[in-house]
Amino acid sequence: MRNRTRRLLLWCAATDSTFALARQRDRTVLAGKCIHCKRKLAVDLEGNALSHETVEHIVPRTHGGTDAVENLAIACARCNQGKGVRQDPRPWSDPGLQAVIATLQARRAERMREPPEGLELPPRPGAPEPEPEADDGPVPRTGRKSRSRAASRRRKR
């Protein structure tokens, strides 16, 4: 699972009042409910989905939705895929799409909370990346070195 997805799942669970710390098998998880069908879902403390958990963009990315925590929820894969297939292709002005978005925004606002104390979280999604602290050490090189090395090998042939 990609880092971005794990970070989004972890922040969604941490800020959703239906999710609480729980023990599942041999590990601590955040266990809660799908934003649509209320199916039980769980995310481990590194943001890994344990079964069918997916990131739900309330305002779809195809319509300009962002990764801001307020626009995100956790949904089971079945519900999220169903919403995507039915709603995402519709034009922004479609009343059905607007009704689904309004319903999900209200549910998310109802569930929104501050993350539990002591929970270690990565940087907040949708927030500007922190600027690196000034360091007098050498400036790191970009990944272009291997490309120039390969180019110099071609030139030598």
Protein backbone atom coordinates (compact mmCIF):
# COMPACT_ATOMS: atom_id res chain seq x y z
CA MET A 1 0.00 0.00 0.00
CA ARG A 2 1.34 3.41 -0.89
CA ASN A 3 2.51 5.85 1.77
CA ARG A 4 -0.07 8.43 0.71
CA THR A 5 -2.95 5.98 1.14
CA ARG A 6 -1.69 4.82 4.55
CA ARG A 7 -1.34 8.43 5.71
CA LEU A 8 -4.87 9.30 4.53
CA LEU A 9 -6.42 6.18 6.11
CA LEU A 10 -4.69 6.86 9.42
CA TRP A 11 -5.81 10.52 9.53
CA CYS A 12 -9.38 9.56 8.54
CA ALA A 13 -9.60 6.99 11.32
CA ALA A 14 -7.93 9.28 13.88
CA THR A 15 -10.40 12.10 13.21
CA ASP A 16 -13.55 9.93 12.93
CA SER A 17 -15.46 9.51 16.21
CA THR A 18 -16.71 6.04 15.19
CA PHE A 19 -13.07 4.83 15.29
CA ALA A 20 -11.52 3.91 18.62
CA LEU A 21 -8.38 2.15 19.74
CA ALA A 22 -9.01 -1.59 20.02
CA ARG A 23 -7.11 -4.88 20.09
CA GLN A 24 -7.43 -7.10 17.04
CA ARG A 25 -5.53 -10.34 17.19
CA ASP A 26 -2.01 -9.39 18.26
CA ARG A 27 -2.06 -5.66 17.53
CA THR A 28 -3.66 -2.36 18.43
CA VAL A 29 -5.86 -0.88 15.70
CA LEU A 30 -8.34 1.92 15.12
CA ALA A 31 -11.70 0.19 14.64
CA GLY A 32 -14.79 1.99 13.36
CA LYS A 33 -17.48 2.07 10.68
CA CYS A 34 -17.87 2.69 6.94
CA ILE A 35 -19.22 6.19 6.22
CA HIS A 36 -21.90 4.64 3.96
CA CYS A 37 -23.09 1.26 5.28
CA LYS A 38 -21.62 1.30 8.80
CA ARG A 39 -19.76 -1.99 8.21
CA LYS A 40 -17.05 -2.61 10.82
CA LEU A 41 -13.62 -1.57 9.54
CA ALA A 42 -10.14 -1.35 11.04
CA VAL A 43 -6.82 0.32 10.27
CA ASP A 44 -3.58 -0.51 12.06
CA LEU A 45 -1.55 2.25 13.70
CA GLU A 46 0.67 2.53 10.61
CA GLY A 47 -2.36 3.22 8.41
CA ASN A 48 -2.56 -0.22 6.80
CA ALA A 49 -6.02 -1.38 5.81
CA LEU A 50 -6.78 -4.69 7.52
CA SER A 51 -9.51 -5.84 5.13
CA HIS A 52 -11.65 -3.72 2.78
CA GLU A 53 -10.93 -0.17 4.00
CA THR A 54 -10.53 2.55 1.38
CA VAL A 55 -10.17 6.33 1.36
CA GLU A 56 -13.44 8.01 0.35
CA HIS A 57 -13.09 11.47 -1.19
CA ILE A 58 -16.43 13.08 -0.34
CA VAL A 59 -16.06 15.61 -3.14
CA PRO A 60 -14.53 13.33 -5.77
CA ARG A 61 -11.06 14.17 -7.04
CA THR A 62 -12.56 14.20 -10.55
CA HIS A 63 -14.57 17.24 -9.38
CA GLY A 64 -11.71 19.03 -7.64
CA GLY A 65 -11.89 17.23 -4.28
CA THR A 66 -8.74 17.47 -2.19
CA ASP A 67 -6.94 15.38 0.42
CA ALA A 68 -8.01 17.76 3.20
CA VAL A 69 -9.12 15.67 6.20
CA GLU A 70 -12.57 17.28 6.09
CA ASN A 71 -13.05 15.87 2.56
CA LEU A 72 -11.96 12.35 3.50
CA ALA A 73 -13.70 9.42 5.15
CA ILE A 74 -13.15 5.69 5.38
CA ALA A 75 -15.46 3.50 3.35
CA CYS A 76 -15.50 -0.21 2.62
CA ALA A 77 -14.29 -1.00 -0.89
CA ARG A 78 -17.76 -2.05 -2.05
CA CYS A 79 -19.41 1.23 -1.05
CA ASN A 80 -16.57 3.42 -2.31
CA GLN A 81 -16.45 1.69 -5.69
CA GLY A 82 -20.23 1.86 -6.00
CA LYS A 83 -20.28 5.58 -5.29
CA GLY A 84 -17.45 6.13 -7.76
CA VAL A 85 -19.14 4.22 -10.56
CA ARG A 86 -22.53 5.90 -10.00
CA GLN A 87 -21.51 9.45 -9.07
CA ASP A 88 -18.05 10.40 -10.36
CA PRO A 89 -18.98 10.53 -14.09
CA ARG A 90 -21.91 12.87 -13.42
CA PRO A 91 -21.49 16.58 -14.11
CA TRP A 92 -20.86 18.82 -11.08
CA SER A 93 -24.29 20.41 -11.49
CA ASP A 94 -26.11 17.04 -11.22
CA PRO A 95 -28.61 17.17 -8.33
CA GLY A 96 -27.99 13.49 -7.46
CA LEU A 97 -24.24 14.06 -7.12
CA GLN A 98 -24.83 17.18 -5.03
CA ALA A 99 -27.23 15.29 -2.72
CA VAL A 100 -24.70 12.48 -2.13
CA ILE A 101 -21.92 15.00 -1.42
CA ALA A 102 -24.13 16.97 0.99
CA THR A 103 -25.14 13.79 2.85
CA LEU A 104 -21.53 12.61 3.19
CA GLN A 105 -20.33 16.06 4.25
CA ALA A 106 -22.96 16.12 7.01
CA ARG A 107 -21.99 12.62 8.19
CA ARG A 108 -18.30 13.50 8.19
CA ALA A 109 -18.92 16.74 10.10
CA GLU A 110 -20.94 14.77 12.67
CA ARG A 111 -18.09 12.27 13.10
CA MET A 112 -15.22 14.80 13.08
CA ARG A 113 -13.05 14.97 16.20
CA GLU A 114 -9.51 15.75 17.25
CA PRO A 115 -7.16 12.74 17.07
CA PRO A 116 -6.84 10.74 20.31
CA GLU A 117 -4.07 11.82 22.70
CA GLY A 118 -0.80 9.98 22.28
CA LEU A 119 -1.52 8.72 18.76
CA GLU A 120 1.52 9.25 16.53
CA LEU A 121 0.41 10.65 13.19
CA PRO A 122 2.29 11.58 10.01
CA PRO A 123 1.94 15.14 8.65
CA ARG A 124 -1.71 16.15 8.22
CA PRO A 125 -3.05 15.60 4.68
CA GLY A 126 -3.84 18.77 2.79
CA ALA A 127 -1.56 20.81 5.07
CA PRO A 128 1.51 22.47 3.59
CA GLU A 129 4.65 20.38 3.93
CA PRO A 130 6.95 21.71 6.66
CA GLU A 131 10.03 23.42 5.32
CA PRO A 132 13.27 21.62 6.11
CA GLU A 133 15.35 23.24 8.80
CA ALA A 134 18.43 25.12 7.68
CA ASP A 135 21.49 22.91 7.71
CA ASP A 136 25.02 23.90 6.92
CA GLY A 137 25.75 20.43 5.52
CA PRO A 138 26.05 19.60 1.83
CA VAL A 139 23.01 20.06 -0.39
CA PRO A 140 21.59 16.66 -1.37
CA ARG A 141 21.77 15.83 -5.05
CA THR A 142 18.67 15.10 -7.07
CA GLY A 143 18.04 11.71 -8.65
CA ARG A 144 19.49 12.91 -11.96
CA LYS A 145 22.97 11.53 -11.31
CA SER A 146 22.12 8.07 -12.63
CA ARG A 147 20.66 9.57 -15.78
CA SER A 148 23.80 11.59 -16.49
CA ARG A 149 25.98 8.53 -15.76
CA ALA A 150 23.97 6.51 -18.28
CA ALA A 151 24.22 9.33 -20.79
CA SER A 152 28.01 9.52 -20.36
CA ARG A 153 28.26 5.75 -20.96
CA ARG A 154 26.35 6.14 -24.24
CA ARG A 155 28.69 8.97 -25.27
CA LYS A 156 31.78 6.79 -24.64
CA ARG A 157 30.57 4.02 -26.95
